């Protein structure tokens, strides 16, 4: 699978979120990142939808790690979306919670995410 298309969601583990809040942040990251990918390359987005929408959820330990990854993916022009919570329930406003990457070519995503562990 040299040209596999996948999406990766990265979540911070240093902030306390309930299971529902965590699920919502992952969903925000997935959808927002998908919309970015669709704008950049409709064929890649369609291939991902048609092939089962592979998603991997990984973790980082703090906001700095999340922000660095976001900056790196933007620099490489890989579709991504950084999620900041609105602060209506469990978290202070503008808390960065998750990063959605892709759907995009797995080999390009893996260059930056390989060292990360599964959530």
N, C-alpha and C. Protein backbone atom coordinates (compact mmCIF):
# COMPACT_ATOMS: atom_id res chain seq x y z
N UNK A 1 0.83 -1.19 0.00
CA UNK A 1 0.00 0.00 0.00
C UNK A 1 0.87 1.25 0.00
N UNK A 2 1.62 1.44 -1.06
CA UNK A 2 2.51 2.59 -1.15
C UNK A 2 1.78 3.92 -1.19
N UNK A 3 0.57 3.93 -1.73
CA UNK A 3 -0.15 5.19 -1.87
C UNK A 3 -1.42 5.20 -1.03
N UNK A 4 -1.34 4.62 0.16
CA UNK A 4 -2.49 4.59 1.05
C UNK A 4 -2.86 6.01 1.48
N UNK A 5 -4.17 6.25 1.57
CA UNK A 5 -4.69 7.53 2.05
C UNK A 5 -5.27 7.29 3.44
N UNK A 6 -4.90 8.15 4.39
CA UNK A 6 -5.44 8.01 5.73
C UNK A 6 -5.58 9.38 6.38
N UNK A 7 -6.23 9.38 7.51
CA UNK A 7 -6.35 10.58 8.33
C UNK A 7 -5.78 10.24 9.71
N UNK A 8 -5.08 11.19 10.29
CA UNK A 8 -4.54 11.02 11.64
C UNK A 8 -5.08 12.14 12.51
N UNK A 9 -5.53 11.76 13.69
CA UNK A 9 -5.98 12.73 14.69
C UNK A 9 -5.01 12.62 15.86
N UNK A 10 -4.52 13.77 16.32
CA UNK A 10 -3.60 13.80 17.46
C UNK A 10 -4.27 14.57 18.59
N UNK A 11 -4.26 13.97 19.78
CA UNK A 11 -4.96 14.53 20.93
C UNK A 11 -3.96 14.77 22.06
N UNK A 12 -4.16 15.87 22.77
CA UNK A 12 -3.34 16.16 23.95
C UNK A 12 -3.78 15.30 25.13
N UNK A 13 -2.81 14.80 25.88
CA UNK A 13 -3.13 13.98 27.06
C UNK A 13 -2.88 14.71 28.37
N UNK A 14 -2.40 15.95 28.29
CA UNK A 14 -2.10 16.69 29.52
C UNK A 14 -3.28 17.50 30.04
N UNK A 15 -4.39 17.47 29.34
CA UNK A 15 -5.59 18.17 29.81
C UNK A 15 -6.68 17.14 30.09
N UNK A 16 -7.45 17.42 31.12
CA UNK A 16 -8.50 16.47 31.48
C UNK A 16 -9.77 16.78 30.71
N UNK A 17 -10.21 15.79 29.95
CA UNK A 17 -11.47 15.89 29.21
C UNK A 17 -12.26 14.62 29.48
N UNK A 18 -13.54 14.78 29.65
CA UNK A 18 -14.40 13.61 29.76
C UNK A 18 -14.41 12.86 28.43
N UNK A 19 -14.90 11.63 28.45
CA UNK A 19 -14.93 10.82 27.23
C UNK A 19 -15.74 11.48 26.12
N UNK A 20 -16.86 12.08 26.49
CA UNK A 20 -17.68 12.75 25.49
C UNK A 20 -16.99 13.96 24.90
N UNK A 21 -16.32 14.73 25.74
CA UNK A 21 -15.58 15.91 25.29
C UNK A 21 -14.45 15.48 24.36
N UNK A 22 -13.73 14.44 24.74
CA UNK A 22 -12.65 13.92 23.91
C UNK A 22 -13.19 13.49 22.54
N UNK A 23 -14.29 12.75 22.55
CA UNK A 23 -14.90 12.30 21.29
C UNK A 23 -15.30 13.49 20.42
N UNK A 24 -15.84 14.53 21.03
CA UNK A 24 -16.25 15.71 20.27
C UNK A 24 -15.04 16.41 19.66
N UNK A 25 -13.94 16.51 20.41
CA UNK A 25 -12.74 17.18 19.89
C UNK A 25 -12.14 16.39 18.73
N UNK A 26 -12.13 15.07 18.84
CA UNK A 26 -11.64 14.22 17.75
C UNK A 26 -12.54 14.40 16.51
N UNK A 27 -13.85 14.46 16.72
CA UNK A 27 -14.77 14.66 15.60
C UNK A 27 -14.54 16.02 14.94
N UNK A 28 -14.36 17.06 15.73
CA UNK A 28 -14.05 18.39 15.17
C UNK A 28 -12.79 18.33 14.32
N UNK A 29 -11.75 17.70 14.84
CA UNK A 29 -10.47 17.61 14.12
C UNK A 29 -10.64 16.84 12.81
N UNK A 30 -11.37 15.74 12.86
CA UNK A 30 -11.57 14.92 11.66
C UNK A 30 -12.32 15.69 10.58
N UNK A 31 -13.43 16.28 10.94
CA UNK A 31 -14.24 16.99 9.94
C UNK A 31 -13.53 18.22 9.38
N UNK A 32 -12.95 19.01 10.25
CA UNK A 32 -12.31 20.24 9.79
C UNK A 32 -11.12 19.93 8.89
N UNK A 33 -10.36 18.92 9.26
CA UNK A 33 -9.22 18.53 8.44
C UNK A 33 -9.68 17.95 7.10
N UNK A 34 -10.76 17.17 7.13
CA UNK A 34 -11.32 16.63 5.87
C UNK A 34 -11.69 17.77 4.92
N UNK A 35 -12.35 18.80 5.44
CA UNK A 35 -12.75 19.92 4.58
C UNK A 35 -11.53 20.61 3.97
N UNK A 36 -10.45 20.72 4.74
CA UNK A 36 -9.21 21.30 4.20
C UNK A 36 -8.65 20.41 3.09
N UNK A 37 -8.66 19.11 3.31
CA UNK A 37 -8.15 18.18 2.30
C UNK A 37 -9.00 18.24 1.02
N UNK A 38 -10.30 18.33 1.19
CA UNK A 38 -11.20 18.38 0.03
C UNK A 38 -10.93 19.63 -0.81
N UNK A 39 -10.63 20.74 -0.16
CA UNK A 39 -10.29 21.97 -0.89
C UNK A 39 -8.99 21.81 -1.67
N UNK A 40 -8.03 21.12 -1.07
CA UNK A 40 -6.70 21.00 -1.69
C UNK A 40 -6.67 19.96 -2.82
N UNK A 41 -7.38 18.84 -2.62
CA UNK A 41 -7.33 17.77 -3.62
C UNK A 41 -8.57 16.90 -3.49
N UNK A 42 -9.57 17.18 -4.31
CA UNK A 42 -10.83 16.45 -4.26
C UNK A 42 -10.65 14.96 -4.53
N UNK A 43 -9.70 14.61 -5.39
CA UNK A 43 -9.48 13.19 -5.71
C UNK A 43 -8.97 12.41 -4.50
N UNK A 44 -8.05 12.99 -3.75
CA UNK A 44 -7.53 12.33 -2.54
C UNK A 44 -8.65 12.18 -1.52
N UNK A 45 -9.43 13.24 -1.32
CA UNK A 45 -10.55 13.17 -0.37
C UNK A 45 -11.55 12.10 -0.78
N UNK A 46 -11.88 12.02 -2.06
CA UNK A 46 -12.83 11.02 -2.56
C UNK A 46 -12.28 9.61 -2.39
N UNK A 47 -10.99 9.42 -2.70
CA UNK A 47 -10.37 8.11 -2.54
C UNK A 47 -10.45 7.64 -1.09
N UNK A 48 -10.22 8.56 -0.16
CA UNK A 48 -10.30 8.23 1.26
C UNK A 48 -11.71 7.79 1.63
N UNK A 49 -12.70 8.54 1.17
CA UNK A 49 -14.10 8.17 1.45
C UNK A 49 -14.43 6.81 0.87
N UNK A 50 -13.99 6.57 -0.35
CA UNK A 50 -14.31 5.31 -1.04
C UNK A 50 -13.56 4.11 -0.49
N UNK A 51 -12.46 4.35 0.22
CA UNK A 51 -11.64 3.23 0.71
C UNK A 51 -11.85 2.92 2.19
N UNK A 52 -12.87 3.50 2.80
CA UNK A 52 -13.18 3.14 4.18
C UNK A 52 -12.83 4.16 5.24
N UNK A 53 -12.31 5.32 4.83
CA UNK A 53 -12.05 6.43 5.76
C UNK A 53 -11.12 6.05 6.91
N UNK A 54 -9.97 5.46 6.60
CA UNK A 54 -9.02 5.04 7.63
C UNK A 54 -8.60 6.23 8.50
N UNK A 55 -8.71 6.03 9.81
CA UNK A 55 -8.31 7.05 10.79
C UNK A 55 -7.45 6.40 11.86
N UNK A 56 -6.43 7.12 12.28
CA UNK A 56 -5.56 6.69 13.37
C UNK A 56 -5.58 7.81 14.41
N UNK A 57 -5.72 7.47 15.69
CA UNK A 57 -5.73 8.49 16.74
C UNK A 57 -4.48 8.29 17.60
N UNK A 58 -3.68 9.35 17.65
CA UNK A 58 -2.42 9.35 18.37
C UNK A 58 -2.45 10.38 19.49
N UNK A 59 -1.40 10.39 20.31
CA UNK A 59 -1.39 11.33 21.44
C UNK A 59 -0.07 12.09 21.52
N UNK A 60 -0.17 13.29 22.09
CA UNK A 60 1.00 14.08 22.47
C UNK A 60 0.79 14.52 23.91
N UNK A 61 1.88 14.95 24.55
CA UNK A 61 1.81 15.23 25.98
C UNK A 61 1.52 16.68 26.33
N UNK A 62 1.56 17.59 25.33
CA UNK A 62 1.33 18.99 25.68
C UNK A 62 1.00 19.84 24.46
N UNK A 63 0.62 21.08 24.74
CA UNK A 63 0.23 22.01 23.67
C UNK A 63 1.39 22.33 22.74
N UNK A 64 2.59 22.46 23.28
CA UNK A 64 3.74 22.79 22.45
C UNK A 64 3.97 21.72 21.37
N UNK A 65 3.88 20.46 21.74
CA UNK A 65 4.06 19.38 20.77
C UNK A 65 2.98 19.43 19.70
N UNK A 66 1.74 19.69 20.11
CA UNK A 66 0.63 19.77 19.16
C UNK A 66 0.84 20.93 18.18
N UNK A 67 1.22 22.07 18.70
CA UNK A 67 1.42 23.26 17.87
C UNK A 67 2.59 23.09 16.92
N UNK A 68 3.66 22.47 17.38
CA UNK A 68 4.82 22.22 16.50
C UNK A 68 4.43 21.31 15.33
N UNK A 69 3.65 20.28 15.62
CA UNK A 69 3.20 19.40 14.54
C UNK A 69 2.31 20.15 13.55
N UNK A 70 1.41 20.96 14.07
CA UNK A 70 0.54 21.75 13.20
C UNK A 70 1.37 22.64 12.28
N UNK A 71 2.34 23.31 12.83
CA UNK A 71 3.21 24.19 12.04
C UNK A 71 3.96 23.40 10.97
N UNK A 72 4.47 22.24 11.33
CA UNK A 72 5.21 21.41 10.39
C UNK A 72 4.32 20.93 9.24
N UNK A 73 3.10 20.50 9.55
CA UNK A 73 2.20 20.04 8.49
C UNK A 73 1.78 21.19 7.59
N UNK A 74 1.53 22.36 8.16
CA UNK A 74 1.19 23.52 7.33
C UNK A 74 2.36 23.87 6.41
N UNK A 75 3.57 23.82 6.93
CA UNK A 75 4.76 24.12 6.14
C UNK A 75 4.87 23.15 4.95
N UNK A 76 4.55 21.88 5.18
CA UNK A 76 4.62 20.88 4.12
C UNK A 76 3.39 20.88 3.21
N UNK A 77 2.45 21.78 3.49
CA UNK A 77 1.22 21.93 2.70
C UNK A 77 0.37 20.65 2.72
N UNK A 78 0.38 19.98 3.87
CA UNK A 78 -0.47 18.81 4.08
C UNK A 78 -1.72 19.29 4.80
N UNK A 79 -2.90 18.93 4.31
CA UNK A 79 -4.13 19.41 4.94
C UNK A 79 -4.18 19.05 6.42
N UNK A 80 -4.54 20.04 7.24
CA UNK A 80 -4.65 19.80 8.67
C UNK A 80 -5.51 20.87 9.31
N UNK A 81 -5.92 20.60 10.54
CA UNK A 81 -6.75 21.55 11.27
C UNK A 81 -6.46 21.43 12.76
N UNK A 82 -6.15 22.55 13.38
CA UNK A 82 -5.91 22.62 14.81
C UNK A 82 -7.21 23.03 15.50
N UNK A 83 -7.63 22.24 16.47
CA UNK A 83 -8.89 22.48 17.17
C UNK A 83 -8.63 23.23 18.48
N UNK A 84 -9.32 24.34 18.65
CA UNK A 84 -9.29 25.11 19.90
C UNK A 84 -10.69 25.11 20.48
N UNK A 85 -10.80 24.71 21.73
CA UNK A 85 -12.11 24.62 22.38
C UNK A 85 -12.67 26.02 22.65
N UNK A 86 -13.98 26.14 22.57
CA UNK A 86 -14.63 27.43 22.81
C UNK A 86 -14.75 27.77 24.29
N UNK A 87 -14.55 26.78 25.14
CA UNK A 87 -14.58 27.06 26.58
C UNK A 87 -15.96 27.10 27.19
N UNK A 88 -16.91 26.42 26.59
CA UNK A 88 -18.28 26.46 27.09
C UNK A 88 -18.57 25.44 28.18
N UNK A 89 -17.73 24.42 28.30
CA UNK A 89 -18.01 23.37 29.30
C UNK A 89 -16.80 23.09 30.18
N UNK A 90 -15.92 22.19 29.78
CA UNK A 90 -14.88 21.67 30.65
C UNK A 90 -13.54 22.40 30.59
N UNK A 91 -13.27 23.11 29.53
CA UNK A 91 -11.95 23.69 29.31
C UNK A 91 -12.00 25.20 29.20
N UNK A 92 -10.90 25.88 29.51
CA UNK A 92 -10.84 27.32 29.30
C UNK A 92 -10.93 27.64 27.80
N UNK A 93 -11.45 28.82 27.45
CA UNK A 93 -11.53 29.19 26.04
C UNK A 93 -10.16 29.15 25.36
N UNK A 94 -10.18 28.74 24.10
CA UNK A 94 -8.99 28.68 23.24
C UNK A 94 -7.97 27.61 23.63
N UNK A 95 -8.38 26.63 24.44
CA UNK A 95 -7.50 25.51 24.73
C UNK A 95 -7.34 24.67 23.48
N UNK A 96 -6.11 24.48 23.04
CA UNK A 96 -5.85 23.64 21.87
C UNK A 96 -5.93 22.19 22.31
N UNK A 97 -6.84 21.44 21.70
CA UNK A 97 -7.12 20.08 22.16
C UNK A 97 -6.67 18.98 21.21
N UNK A 98 -6.77 19.23 19.90
CA UNK A 98 -6.54 18.16 18.93
C UNK A 98 -6.07 18.74 17.60
N UNK A 99 -5.47 17.87 16.81
CA UNK A 99 -5.01 18.21 15.48
C UNK A 99 -5.47 17.12 14.52
N UNK A 100 -6.16 17.52 13.49
CA UNK A 100 -6.54 16.59 12.43
C UNK A 100 -5.58 16.76 11.26
N UNK A 101 -5.15 15.65 10.68
CA UNK A 101 -4.22 15.67 9.55
C UNK A 101 -4.81 14.79 8.45
N UNK A 102 -4.97 15.39 7.29
CA UNK A 102 -5.50 14.64 6.15
C UNK A 102 -7.01 14.56 6.17
N UNK A 103 -7.54 13.73 5.34
CA UNK A 103 -6.92 12.60 4.65
C UNK A 103 -5.86 13.04 3.64
N UNK A 104 -4.77 12.26 3.65
CA UNK A 104 -3.66 12.54 2.76
C UNK A 104 -2.83 11.28 2.60
N UNK A 105 -1.77 11.38 1.83
CA UNK A 105 -0.91 10.23 1.57
C UNK A 105 -0.21 9.81 2.86
N UNK A 106 -0.40 8.55 3.23
CA UNK A 106 0.12 8.03 4.50
C UNK A 106 1.63 8.22 4.62
N UNK A 107 2.35 7.99 3.54
CA UNK A 107 3.81 8.09 3.63
C UNK A 107 4.26 9.51 4.00
N UNK A 108 3.51 10.53 3.58
CA UNK A 108 3.86 11.91 3.93
C UNK A 108 3.48 12.22 5.38
N UNK A 109 2.33 11.72 5.82
CA UNK A 109 1.90 11.94 7.20
C UNK A 109 2.85 11.23 8.17
N UNK A 110 3.22 10.00 7.82
CA UNK A 110 4.05 9.18 8.70
C UNK A 110 5.43 9.79 8.96
N UNK A 111 5.92 10.61 8.05
CA UNK A 111 7.24 11.22 8.27
C UNK A 111 7.28 12.03 9.56
N UNK A 112 6.15 12.63 9.93
CA UNK A 112 6.11 13.46 11.14
C UNK A 112 5.43 12.78 12.33
N UNK A 113 4.64 11.75 12.09
CA UNK A 113 3.87 11.15 13.18
C UNK A 113 4.40 9.78 13.65
N UNK A 114 5.35 9.24 12.95
CA UNK A 114 5.84 7.88 13.28
C UNK A 114 6.24 7.70 14.75
N UNK A 115 6.89 8.69 15.39
CA UNK A 115 7.30 8.47 16.79
C UNK A 115 6.14 8.50 17.80
N UNK A 116 4.98 8.96 17.39
CA UNK A 116 3.86 9.11 18.33
C UNK A 116 3.19 7.77 18.64
N UNK A 117 2.61 7.69 19.83
CA UNK A 117 1.93 6.47 20.29
C UNK A 117 0.42 6.60 20.08
N UNK A 118 -0.24 5.45 19.98
CA UNK A 118 -1.69 5.42 19.87
C UNK A 118 -2.33 5.95 21.16
N UNK A 119 -3.48 6.60 21.02
CA UNK A 119 -4.20 7.09 22.18
C UNK A 119 -4.80 5.91 22.93
